PDB file of N, CA and C in Angstrom:
ATOM      1  N   MET A   1       0.838  -1.176   0.000  1.00  0.00           N
ATOM      2  CA  MET A   1       0.000   0.000   0.000  1.00  0.00           C
ATOM      3  C   MET A   1       0.889   1.247   0.000  1.00  0.00           C
ATOM      4  N   ARG A   2       0.587   2.137  -0.897  1.00  0.00           N
ATOM      5  CA  ARG A   2       1.368   3.371  -1.001  1.00  0.00           C
ATOM      6  C   ARG A   2       0.872   4.381   0.014  1.00  0.00           C
ATOM      7  N   THR A   3       1.821   5.069   0.592  1.00  0.00           N
ATOM      8  CA  THR A   3       1.438   6.146   1.494  1.00  0.00           C
ATOM      9  C   THR A   3       1.213   7.393   0.667  1.00  0.00           C
ATOM     10  N   PRO A   4       0.235   8.186   1.035  1.00  0.00           N
ATOM     11  CA  PRO A   4      -0.003   9.407   0.253  1.00  0.00           C
ATOM     12  C   PRO A   4       1.192  10.343   0.357  1.00  0.00           C
ATOM     13  N   LYS A   5       1.430  11.035  -0.751  1.00  0.00           N
ATOM     14  CA  LYS A   5       2.536  11.986  -0.791  1.00  0.00           C
ATOM     15  C   LYS A   5       2.260  13.121   0.184  1.00  0.00           C
ATOM     16  N   GLN A   6       3.231  13.377   1.024  1.00  0.00           N
ATOM     17  CA  GLN A   6       3.099  14.445   2.002  1.00  0.00           C
ATOM     18  C   GLN A   6       3.167  15.795   1.304  1.00  0.00           C
ATOM     19  N   PRO A   7       2.319  16.730   1.701  1.00  0.00           N
ATOM     20  CA  PRO A   7       2.417  18.064   1.087  1.00  0.00           C
ATOM     21  C   PRO A   7       3.749  18.703   1.457  1.00  0.00           C
ATOM     22  N   GLN A   8       4.340  19.363   0.462  1.00  0.00           N
ATOM     23  CA  GLN A   8       5.605  20.036   0.713  1.00  0.00           C
ATOM     24  C   GLN A   8       5.345  21.347   1.436  1.00  0.00           C
ATOM     25  N   PRO A   9       6.217  21.673   2.387  1.00  0.00           N
ATOM     26  CA  PRO A   9       6.047  22.972   3.041  1.00  0.00           C
ATOM     27  C   PRO A   9       6.286  24.079   2.029  1.00  0.00           C
ATOM     28  N   PRO A  10       5.657  25.229   2.228  1.00  0.00           N
ATOM     29  CA  PRO A  10       5.878  26.318   1.269  1.00  0.00           C
ATOM     30  C   PRO A  10       7.336  26.757   1.291  1.00  0.00           C
ATOM     31  N   ASN A  11       7.774  27.276   0.171  1.00  0.00           N
ATOM     32  CA  ASN A  11       9.140  27.783   0.100  1.00  0.00           C
ATOM     33  C   ASN A  11       9.261  28.993   1.011  1.00  0.00           C
ATOM     34  N   PRO A  12      10.410  29.138   1.638  1.00  0.00           N
ATOM     35  CA  PRO A  12      10.594  30.283   2.529  1.00  0.00           C
ATOM     36  C   PRO A  12      10.604  31.596   1.746  1.00  0.00           C
ATOM     37  N   SER A  13      10.385  32.676   2.455  1.00  0.00           N
ATOM     38  CA  SER A  13      10.410  33.985   1.817  1.00  0.00           C
ATOM     39  C   SER A  13      11.816  34.281   1.307  1.00  0.00           C
ATOM     40  N   LEU A  14      11.926  35.203   0.380  1.00  0.00           N
ATOM     41  CA  LEU A  14      13.225  35.565  -0.175  1.00  0.00           C
ATOM     42  C   LEU A  14      14.158  36.092   0.907  1.00  0.00           C
ATOM     43  N   GLU A  15      13.616  36.777   1.878  1.00  0.00           N
ATOM     44  CA  GLU A  15      14.445  37.281   2.967  1.00  0.00           C
ATOM     45  C   GLU A  15      15.024  36.125   3.784  1.00  0.00           C
ATOM     46  N   ALA A  16      14.224  35.078   3.953  1.00  0.00           N
ATOM     47  CA  ALA A  16      14.663  33.941   4.765  1.00  0.00           C
ATOM     48  C   ALA A  16      15.722  33.102   4.067  1.00  0.00           C
ATOM     49  N   ILE A  17      15.778  33.152   2.740  1.00  0.00           N
ATOM     50  CA  ILE A  17      16.735  32.315   2.017  1.00  0.00           C
ATOM     51  C   ILE A  17      17.974  33.083   1.590  1.00  0.00           C
ATOM     52  N   ALA A  18      18.168  34.250   2.118  1.00  0.00           N
ATOM     53  CA  ALA A  18      19.315  35.063   1.730  1.00  0.00           C
ATOM     54  C   ALA A  18      20.634  34.407   2.128  1.00  0.00           C
ATOM     55  N   GLY A  19      20.624  33.535   3.120  1.00  0.00           N
ATOM     56  CA  GLY A  19      21.849  32.850   3.527  1.00  0.00           C
ATOM     57  C   GLY A  19      22.303  31.868   2.469  1.00  0.00           C
ATOM     58  N   ALA A  20      23.609  31.783   2.237  1.00  0.00           N
ATOM     59  CA  ALA A  20      24.151  30.931   1.181  1.00  0.00           C
ATOM     60  C   ALA A  20      23.992  29.449   1.496  1.00  0.00           C
ATOM     61  N   GLY A  21      23.644  29.079   2.722  1.00  0.00           N
ATOM     62  CA  GLY A  21      23.483  27.675   3.074  1.00  0.00           C
ATOM     63  C   GLY A  21      22.094  27.129   2.809  1.00  0.00           C
ATOM     64  N   ALA A  22      21.174  27.966   2.349  1.00  0.00           N
ATOM     65  CA  ALA A  22      19.798  27.542   2.127  1.00  0.00           C
ATOM     66  C   ALA A  22      19.701  26.559   0.966  1.00  0.00           C
ATOM     67  N   ILE A  23      18.727  25.655   1.050  1.00  0.00           N
ATOM     68  CA  ILE A  23      18.439  24.711  -0.025  1.00  0.00           C
ATOM     69  C   ILE A  23      17.068  25.073  -0.583  1.00  0.00           C
ATOM     70  N   LEU A  24      16.978  25.176  -1.901  1.00  0.00           N
ATOM     71  CA  LEU A  24      15.748  25.592  -2.564  1.00  0.00           C
ATOM     72  C   LEU A  24      15.192  24.477  -3.427  1.00  0.00           C
ATOM     73  N   THR A  25      13.876  24.491  -3.590  1.00  0.00           N
ATOM     74  CA  THR A  25      13.212  23.618  -4.545  1.00  0.00           C
ATOM     75  C   THR A  25      13.221  24.311  -5.906  1.00  0.00           C
ATOM     76  N   THR A  26      12.741  23.606  -6.915  1.00  0.00           N
ATOM     77  CA  THR A  26      12.612  24.208  -8.246  1.00  0.00           C
ATOM     78  C   THR A  26      11.686  25.420  -8.185  1.00  0.00           C
ATOM     79  N   ASP A  27      10.587  25.285  -7.449  1.00  0.00           N
ATOM     80  CA  ASP A  27       9.669  26.420  -7.301  1.00  0.00           C
ATOM     81  C   ASP A  27      10.346  27.585  -6.590  1.00  0.00           C
ATOM     82  N   GLY A  28      11.171  27.273  -5.592  1.00  0.00           N
ATOM     83  CA  GLY A  28      11.877  28.317  -4.860  1.00  0.00           C
ATOM     84  C   GLY A  28      12.865  29.069  -5.727  1.00  0.00           C
ATOM     85  N   VAL A  29      13.588  28.331  -6.591  1.00  0.00           N
ATOM     86  CA  VAL A  29      14.534  28.977  -7.508  1.00  0.00           C
ATOM     87  C   VAL A  29      13.771  29.850  -8.499  1.00  0.00           C
ATOM     88  N   ALA A  30      12.666  29.326  -9.026  1.00  0.00           N
ATOM     89  CA  ALA A  30      11.860  30.103  -9.978  1.00  0.00           C
ATOM     90  C   ALA A  30      11.353  31.388  -9.320  1.00  0.00           C
ATOM     91  N   ALA A  31      10.914  31.304  -8.081  1.00  0.00           N
ATOM     92  CA  ALA A  31      10.438  32.495  -7.373  1.00  0.00           C
ATOM     93  C   ALA A  31      11.585  33.470  -7.136  1.00  0.00           C
ATOM     94  N   PHE A  32      12.740  32.949  -6.733  1.00  0.00           N
ATOM     95  CA  PHE A  32      13.890  33.804  -6.455  1.00  0.00           C
ATOM     96  C   PHE A  32      14.369  34.518  -7.715  1.00  0.00           C
ATOM     97  N   LEU A  33      14.432  33.785  -8.845  1.00  0.00           N
ATOM     98  CA  LEU A  33      14.883  34.373 -10.110  1.00  0.00           C
ATOM     99  C   LEU A  33      13.756  35.108 -10.844  1.00  0.00           C
ATOM    100  N   ARG A  34      12.544  34.964 -10.333  1.00  0.00           N
ATOM    101  CA  ARG A  34      11.359  35.559 -10.971  1.00  0.00           C
ATOM    102  C   ARG A  34      11.239  35.103 -12.420  1.00  0.00           C
ATOM    103  N   CYS A  35      11.277  33.778 -12.571  1.00  0.00           N
ATOM    104  CA  CYS A  35      11.120  33.182 -13.889  1.00  0.00           C
ATOM    105  C   CYS A  35      10.170  32.004 -13.775  1.00  0.00           C
ATOM    106  N   HIS A  36       9.840  31.400 -14.898  1.00  0.00           N
ATOM    107  CA  HIS A  36       8.957  30.242 -14.902  1.00  0.00           C
ATOM    108  C   HIS A  36       9.735  28.997 -14.505  1.00  0.00           C
ATOM    109  N   LYS A  37       9.044  28.061 -13.916  1.00  0.00           N
ATOM    110  CA  LYS A  37       9.656  26.800 -13.493  1.00  0.00           C
ATOM    111  C   LYS A  37      10.327  26.076 -14.671  1.00  0.00           C
ATOM    112  N   SER A  38       9.737  26.171 -15.860  1.00  0.00           N
ATOM    113  CA  SER A  38      10.326  25.510 -17.030  1.00  0.00           C
ATOM    114  C   SER A  38      11.680  26.128 -17.391  1.00  0.00           C
ATOM    115  N   THR A  39      11.867  27.394 -17.085  1.00  0.00           N
ATOM    116  CA  THR A  39      13.167  28.035 -17.317  1.00  0.00           C
ATOM    117  C   THR A  39      14.220  27.421 -16.410  1.00  0.00           C
ATOM    118  N   VAL A  40      13.858  27.119 -15.184  1.00  0.00           N
ATOM    119  CA  VAL A  40      14.790  26.480 -14.254  1.00  0.00           C
ATOM    120  C   VAL A  40      15.214  25.120 -14.808  1.00  0.00           C
ATOM    121  N   TYR A  41      14.247  24.337 -15.313  1.00  0.00           N
ATOM    122  CA  TYR A  41      14.581  23.030 -15.892  1.00  0.00           C
ATOM    123  C   TYR A  41      15.491  23.179 -17.119  1.00  0.00           C
ATOM    124  N   ARG A  42      15.246  24.208 -17.923  1.00  0.00           N
ATOM    125  CA  ARG A  42      16.110  24.456 -19.089  1.00  0.00           C
ATOM    126  C   ARG A  42      17.530  24.791 -18.646  1.00  0.00           C
ATOM    127  N   LEU A  43      17.678  25.581 -17.589  1.00  0.00           N
ATOM    128  CA  LEU A  43      19.006  25.927 -17.069  1.00  0.00           C
ATOM    129  C   LEU A  43      19.722  24.685 -16.535  1.00  0.00           C
ATOM    130  N   ILE A  44      18.981  23.763 -15.947  1.00  0.00           N
ATOM    131  CA  ILE A  44      19.577  22.507 -15.475  1.00  0.00           C
ATOM    132  C   ILE A  44      20.089  21.693 -16.670  1.00  0.00           C
ATOM    133  N   ARG A  45      19.223  21.523 -17.681  1.00  0.00           N
ATOM    134  CA  ARG A  45      19.593  20.715 -18.862  1.00  0.00           C
ATOM    135  C   ARG A  45      20.797  21.296 -19.595  1.00  0.00           C
ATOM    136  N   SER A  46      20.924  22.612 -19.599  1.00  0.00           N
ATOM    137  CA  SER A  46      22.035  23.256 -20.305  1.00  0.00           C
ATOM    138  C   SER A  46      23.275  23.400 -19.415  1.00  0.00           C
ATOM    139  N   HIS A  47      23.217  22.844 -18.210  1.00  0.00           N
ATOM    140  CA  HIS A  47      24.338  22.856 -17.254  1.00  0.00           C
ATOM    141  C   HIS A  47      24.739  24.269 -16.832  1.00  0.00           C
ATOM    142  N   GLN A  48      23.803  25.197 -16.899  1.00  0.00           N
ATOM    143  CA  GLN A  48      24.079  26.551 -16.434  1.00  0.00           C
ATOM    144  C   GLN A  48      23.785  26.697 -14.947  1.00  0.00           C
ATOM    145  N   LEU A  49      22.928  25.820 -14.422  1.00  0.00           N
ATOM    146  CA  LEU A  49      22.541  25.857 -13.017  1.00  0.00           C
ATOM    147  C   LEU A  49      22.761  24.467 -12.431  1.00  0.00           C
ATOM    148  N   GLU A  50      23.534  24.415 -11.358  1.00  0.00           N
ATOM    149  CA  GLU A  50      23.846  23.142 -10.712  1.00  0.00           C
ATOM    150  C   GLU A  50      22.783  22.805  -9.680  1.00  0.00           C
ATOM    151  N   GLY A  51      22.306  21.572  -9.740  1.00  0.00           N
ATOM    152  CA  GLY A  51      21.339  21.104  -8.761  1.00  0.00           C
ATOM    153  C   GLY A  51      21.593  19.632  -8.475  1.00  0.00           C
ATOM    154  N   PHE A  52      20.843  19.094  -7.558  1.00  0.00           N
ATOM    155  CA  PHE A  52      20.942  17.671  -7.245  1.00  0.00           C
ATOM    156  C   PHE A  52      19.537  17.151  -7.013  1.00  0.00           C
ATOM    157  N   LYS A  53      19.385  15.850  -7.153  1.00  0.00           N
ATOM    158  CA  LYS A  53      18.074  15.252  -6.997  1.00  0.00           C
ATOM    159  C   LYS A  53      17.947  14.544  -5.658  1.00  0.00           C
ATOM    160  N   ILE A  54      16.785  14.674  -5.087  1.00  0.00           N
ATOM    161  CA  ILE A  54      16.377  13.870  -3.952  1.00  0.00           C
ATOM    162  C   ILE A  54      15.110  13.167  -4.437  1.00  0.00           C
ATOM    163  N   GLY A  55      15.244  11.879  -4.692  1.00  0.00           N
ATOM    164  CA  GLY A  55      14.146  11.156  -5.331  1.00  0.00           C
ATOM    165  C   GLY A  55      13.987  11.674  -6.744  1.00  0.00           C
ATOM    166  N   SER A  56      12.816  12.149  -7.069  1.00  0.00           N
ATOM    167  CA  SER A  56      12.592  12.680  -8.415  1.00  0.00           C
ATOM    168  C   SER A  56      12.586  14.203  -8.449  1.00  0.00           C
ATOM    169  N   ASP A  57      12.835  14.831  -7.305  1.00  0.00           N
ATOM    170  CA  ASP A  57      12.767  16.288  -7.204  1.00  0.00           C
ATOM    171  C   ASP A  57      14.153  16.913  -7.127  1.00  0.00           C
ATOM    172  N   TYR A  58      14.328  18.017  -7.850  1.00  0.00           N
ATOM    173  CA  TYR A  58      15.591  18.751  -7.794  1.00  0.00           C
ATOM    174  C   TYR A  58      15.650  19.636  -6.559  1.00  0.00           C
ATOM    175  N   ARG A  59      16.868  19.822  -6.072  1.00  0.00           N
ATOM    176  CA  ARG A  59      17.156  20.770  -5.007  1.00  0.00           C
ATOM    177  C   ARG A  59      18.380  21.571  -5.427  1.00  0.00           C
ATOM    178  N   PHE A  60      18.483  22.797  -4.921  1.00  0.00           N
ATOM    179  CA  PHE A  60      19.563  23.702  -5.306  1.00  0.00           C
ATOM    180  C   PHE A  60      20.080  24.406  -4.063  1.00  0.00           C
ATOM    181  N   SER A  61      21.389  24.517  -3.958  1.00  0.00           N
ATOM    182  CA  SER A  61      21.937  25.313  -2.870  1.00  0.00           C
ATOM    183  C   SER A  61      21.858  26.777  -3.279  1.00  0.00           C
ATOM    184  N   MET A  62      21.668  27.640  -2.306  1.00  0.00           N
ATOM    185  CA  MET A  62      21.620  29.072  -2.603  1.00  0.00           C
ATOM    186  C   MET A  62      22.940  29.517  -3.221  1.00  0.00           C
ATOM    187  N   SER A  63      24.053  28.915  -2.784  1.00  0.00           N
ATOM    188  CA  SER A  63      25.347  29.311  -3.354  1.00  0.00           C
ATOM    189  C   SER A  63      25.411  28.973  -4.842  1.00  0.00           C
ATOM    190  N   ALA A  64      24.792  27.863  -5.279  1.00  0.00           N
ATOM    191  CA  ALA A  64      24.770  27.521  -6.706  1.00  0.00           C
ATOM    192  C   ALA A  64      23.934  28.534  -7.484  1.00  0.00           C
ATOM    193  N   VAL A  65      22.825  28.961  -6.902  1.00  0.00           N
ATOM    194  CA  VAL A  65      21.969  29.956  -7.564  1.00  0.00           C
ATOM    195  C   VAL A  65      22.708  31.290  -7.663  1.00  0.00           C
ATOM    196  N   LEU A  66      23.399  31.671  -6.600  1.00  0.00           N
ATOM    197  CA  LEU A  66      24.151  32.931  -6.624  1.00  0.00           C
ATOM    198  C   LEU A  66      25.305  32.873  -7.627  1.00  0.00           C
ATOM    199  N   ARG A  67      25.947  31.698  -7.760  1.00  0.00           N
ATOM    200  CA  ARG A  67      27.003  31.534  -8.784  1.00  0.00           C
ATOM    201  C   ARG A  67      26.417  31.693 -10.179  1.00  0.00           C
ATOM    202  N   PHE A  68      25.235  31.112 -10.409  1.00  0.00           N
ATOM    203  CA  PHE A  68      24.575  31.255 -11.705  1.00  0.00           C
ATOM    204  C   PHE A  68      24.319  32.726 -12.011  1.00  0.00           C
ATOM    205  N   ILE A  69      23.806  33.456 -11.036  1.00  0.00           N
ATOM    206  CA  ILE A  69      23.518  34.882 -11.234  1.00  0.00           C
ATOM    207  C   ILE A  69      24.800  35.642 -11.553  1.00  0.00           C
ATOM    208  N   GLN A  70      25.866  35.362 -10.813  1.00  0.00           N
ATOM    209  CA  GLN A  70      27.139  36.056 -11.040  1.00  0.00           C
ATOM    210  C   GLN A  70      27.661  35.784 -12.447  1.00  0.00           C
ATOM    211  N   LYS A  71      27.631  34.516 -12.874  1.00  0.00           N
ATOM    212  CA  LYS A  71      28.100  34.177 -14.222  1.00  0.00           C
ATOM    213  C   LYS A  71      27.238  34.838 -15.286  1.00  0.00           C
ATOM    214  N   ALA A  72      25.926  34.875 -15.069  1.00  0.00           N
ATOM    215  CA  ALA A  72      25.024  35.505 -16.034  1.00  0.00           C
ATOM    216  C   ALA A  72      25.302  36.998 -16.138  1.00  0.00           C
ATOM    217  N   GLU A  73      25.541  37.644 -15.004  1.00  0.00           N
ATOM    218  CA  GLU A  73      25.857  39.079 -15.019  1.00  0.00           C
ATOM    219  C   GLU A  73      27.181  39.344 -15.720  1.00  0.00           C
ATOM    220  N   GLU A  74      28.185  38.505 -15.458  1.00  0.00           N
ATOM    221  CA  GLU A  74      29.486  38.671 -16.111  1.00  0.00           C
ATOM    222  C   GLU A  74      29.371  38.467 -17.621  1.00  0.00           C
ATOM    223  N   SER A  75      28.597  37.478 -18.024  1.00  0.00           N
ATOM    224  CA  SER A  75      28.400  37.216 -19.447  1.00  0.00           C
ATOM    225  C   SER A  75      27.690  38.385 -20.125  1.00  0.00           C
ATOM    226  N   HIS A  76      26.672  38.911 -19.461  1.00  0.00           N
ATOM    227  CA  HIS A  76      25.931  40.043 -20.013  1.00  0.00           C
ATOM    228  C   HIS A  76      26.840  41.273 -20.131  1.00  0.00           C
ATOM    229  N   ALA A  77      27.657  41.512 -19.116  1.00  0.00           N
ATOM    230  CA  ALA A  77      28.564  42.662 -19.158  1.00  0.00           C
ATOM    231  C   ALA A  77      29.582  42.515 -20.285  1.00  0.00           C
ATOM    232  N   ALA A  78      30.090  41.304 -20.488  1.00  0.00           N
ATOM    233  CA  ALA A  78      31.053  41.073 -21.565  1.00  0.00           C
ATOM    234  C   ALA A  78      30.405  41.283 -22.930  1.00  0.00           C
ATOM    235  N   GLU A  79      29.166  40.824 -23.074  1.00  0.00           N
ATOM    236  CA  GLU A  79      28.455  41.026 -24.343  1.00  0.00           C
ATOM    237  C   GLU A  79      28.252  42.515 -24.620  1.00  0.00           C
ATOM    238  N   ARG A  80      27.928  43.264 -23.593  1.00  0.00           N
ATOM    239  CA  ARG A  80      27.725  44.708 -23.770  1.00  0.00           C
ATOM    240  C   ARG A  80      29.020  45.397 -24.160  1.00  0.00           C
ATOM    241  N   ARG A  81      30.141  44.997 -23.525  1.00  0.00           N
ATOM    242  CA  ARG A  81      31.441  45.609 -23.851  1.00  0.00           C
ATOM    243  C   ARG A  81      31.831  45.321 -25.297  1.00  0.00           C
ATOM    244  N   ASN A  82      31.476  44.141 -25.793  1.00  0.00           N
ATOM    245  CA  ASN A  82      31.867  43.740 -27.141  1.00  0.00           C
ATOM    246  C   ASN A  82      30.871  44.162 -28.211  1.00  0.00           C
ATOM    247  N   HIS A  83      29.770  44.768 -27.823  1.00  0.00           N
ATOM    248  CA  HIS A  83      28.765  45.177 -28.790  1.00  0.00           C
ATOM    249  C   HIS A  83      29.281  46.399 -29.546  1.00  0.00           C
ATOM    250  N   PRO A  84      29.069  46.440 -30.877  1.00  0.00           N
ATOM    251  CA  PRO A  84      29.596  47.560 -31.677  1.00  0.00           C
ATOM    252  C   PRO A  84      29.044  48.938 -31.268  1.00  0.00           C
ATOM    253  N   ASP A  85      27.866  48.994 -30.670  1.00  0.00           N
ATOM    254  CA  ASP A  85      27.286  50.277 -30.286  1.00  0.00           C
ATOM    255  C   ASP A  85      27.752  50.753 -28.911  1.00  0.00           C
ATOM    256  N   HIS A  86      28.531  49.930 -28.226  1.00  0.00           N
ATOM    257  CA  HIS A  86      28.998  50.274 -26.875  1.00  0.00           C
ATOM    258  C   HIS A  86      30.043  51.372 -26.956  1.00  0.00           C
ATOM    259  N   GLU A  87      29.812  52.459 -26.206  1.00  0.00           N
ATOM    260  CA  GLU A  87      30.785  53.549 -26.159  1.00  0.00           C
ATOM    261  C   GLU A  87      31.748  53.305 -25.016  1.00  0.00           C
ATOM    262  N   GLN A  88      33.000  53.636 -25.228  1.00  0.00           N
ATOM    263  CA  GLN A  88      33.997  53.432 -24.183  1.00  0.00           C
ATOM    264  C   GLN A  88      34.307  54.701 -23.467  1.00  0.00           C
TER     265      GLN A  88
END
């Protein structure tokens, strides 16, 4: 006999997850990045965002999410510097 799936607790507020030791769900990462959950899965598949699985569900450390943001910002800044319309 299967036990019913326990409801997951809601993701903590953004203020509560500011610590780099926090672990986030896919929904939590989507809320933090203000993007759709499918975008998070795309970032996982493209190896831009590091996560790990517990059972069938992904989990992410806050430090991995912050690394993703830092790399994305650096990439965007480099693209802007190399754009022909960029003034120096």
